[in-house]
């Protein structure tokens, strides 16, 4: 098991710390390496409205989620 840690930062302040097991395989096939790659690429996090079923094929336009 390989663990990597990431800090969520807004305006220079750490708001969360996450740990990811790079060998993790979720039930949907999403692997830890893909999560690590995404977290290492200067991501943003946006809350998903409860009425949407957003998945990895969707995109973010800057104002709304767009089904892919």
Protein backbone atom coordinates (compact mmCIF):
# COMPACT_ATOMS: atom_id res chain seq x y z
CA UNK A 1 0.00 0.00 0.00
CA UNK A 2 1.31 3.44 -0.97
CA UNK A 3 -0.27 6.45 0.72
CA UNK A 4 -0.02 10.02 -0.64
CA UNK A 5 -1.32 13.11 1.17
CA UNK A 6 -2.88 16.20 -0.37
CA UNK A 7 -3.93 19.54 1.11
CA UNK A 8 -7.00 21.40 -0.15
CA UNK A 9 -6.06 25.09 -0.28
CA UNK A 10 -8.14 28.22 -0.87
CA UNK A 11 -6.49 31.65 -0.95
CA UNK A 12 -3.37 30.16 0.65
CA UNK A 13 -5.22 28.56 3.57
CA UNK A 14 -5.38 24.78 4.02
CA UNK A 15 -9.04 23.76 4.41
CA UNK A 16 -8.64 19.97 4.32
CA UNK A 17 -6.05 17.21 4.20
CA UNK A 18 -6.80 14.03 2.24
CA UNK A 19 -4.94 10.73 2.08
CA UNK A 20 -5.16 8.46 -0.95
CA UNK A 21 -4.09 4.83 -1.24
CA UNK A 22 -2.58 4.63 -4.75
CA UNK A 23 -3.42 0.91 -4.93
CA UNK A 24 -7.13 1.45 -4.18
CA UNK A 25 -9.62 0.08 -6.74
CA UNK A 26 -13.16 1.32 -6.21
CA UNK A 27 -16.28 -0.60 -7.15
CA UNK A 28 -16.60 1.58 -10.26
CA UNK A 29 -13.02 0.74 -11.34
CA UNK A 30 -11.68 4.16 -10.37
CA UNK A 31 -8.15 3.64 -9.17
CA UNK A 32 -6.02 5.45 -6.65
CA UNK A 33 -3.41 6.40 -9.26
CA UNK A 34 -6.06 8.31 -11.24
CA UNK A 35 -7.18 10.10 -8.08
CA UNK A 36 -3.56 11.01 -7.28
CA UNK A 37 -2.98 12.29 -10.83
CA UNK A 38 -6.06 14.48 -10.62
CA UNK A 39 -5.19 15.85 -7.19
CA UNK A 40 -1.66 16.63 -8.40
CA UNK A 41 -2.97 18.74 -11.30
CA UNK A 42 -4.13 21.88 -9.44
CA UNK A 43 -7.82 20.87 -9.30
CA UNK A 44 -10.83 22.80 -8.07
CA UNK A 45 -13.66 21.22 -6.11
CA UNK A 46 -17.28 22.18 -6.74
CA UNK A 47 -20.27 20.95 -4.75
CA UNK A 48 -22.62 18.79 -6.84
CA UNK A 49 -26.31 19.70 -6.55
CA UNK A 50 -28.32 16.80 -5.12
CA UNK A 51 -30.55 16.61 -8.20
CA UNK A 52 -27.60 15.86 -10.53
CA UNK A 53 -25.93 12.48 -10.99
CA UNK A 54 -22.52 13.85 -12.04
CA UNK A 55 -19.96 11.25 -13.10
CA UNK A 56 -16.41 11.34 -14.46
CA UNK A 57 -17.63 11.80 -18.06
CA UNK A 58 -19.16 15.21 -17.18
CA UNK A 59 -17.38 18.56 -17.46
CA UNK A 60 -17.53 21.87 -15.57
CA UNK A 61 -18.17 24.97 -17.68
CA UNK A 62 -17.14 27.34 -14.93
CA UNK A 63 -20.75 27.91 -13.91
CA UNK A 64 -22.50 24.56 -14.36
CA UNK A 65 -21.96 20.84 -14.88
CA UNK A 66 -22.35 19.61 -18.46
CA UNK A 67 -23.23 15.97 -19.15
CA UNK A 68 -20.62 14.27 -21.33
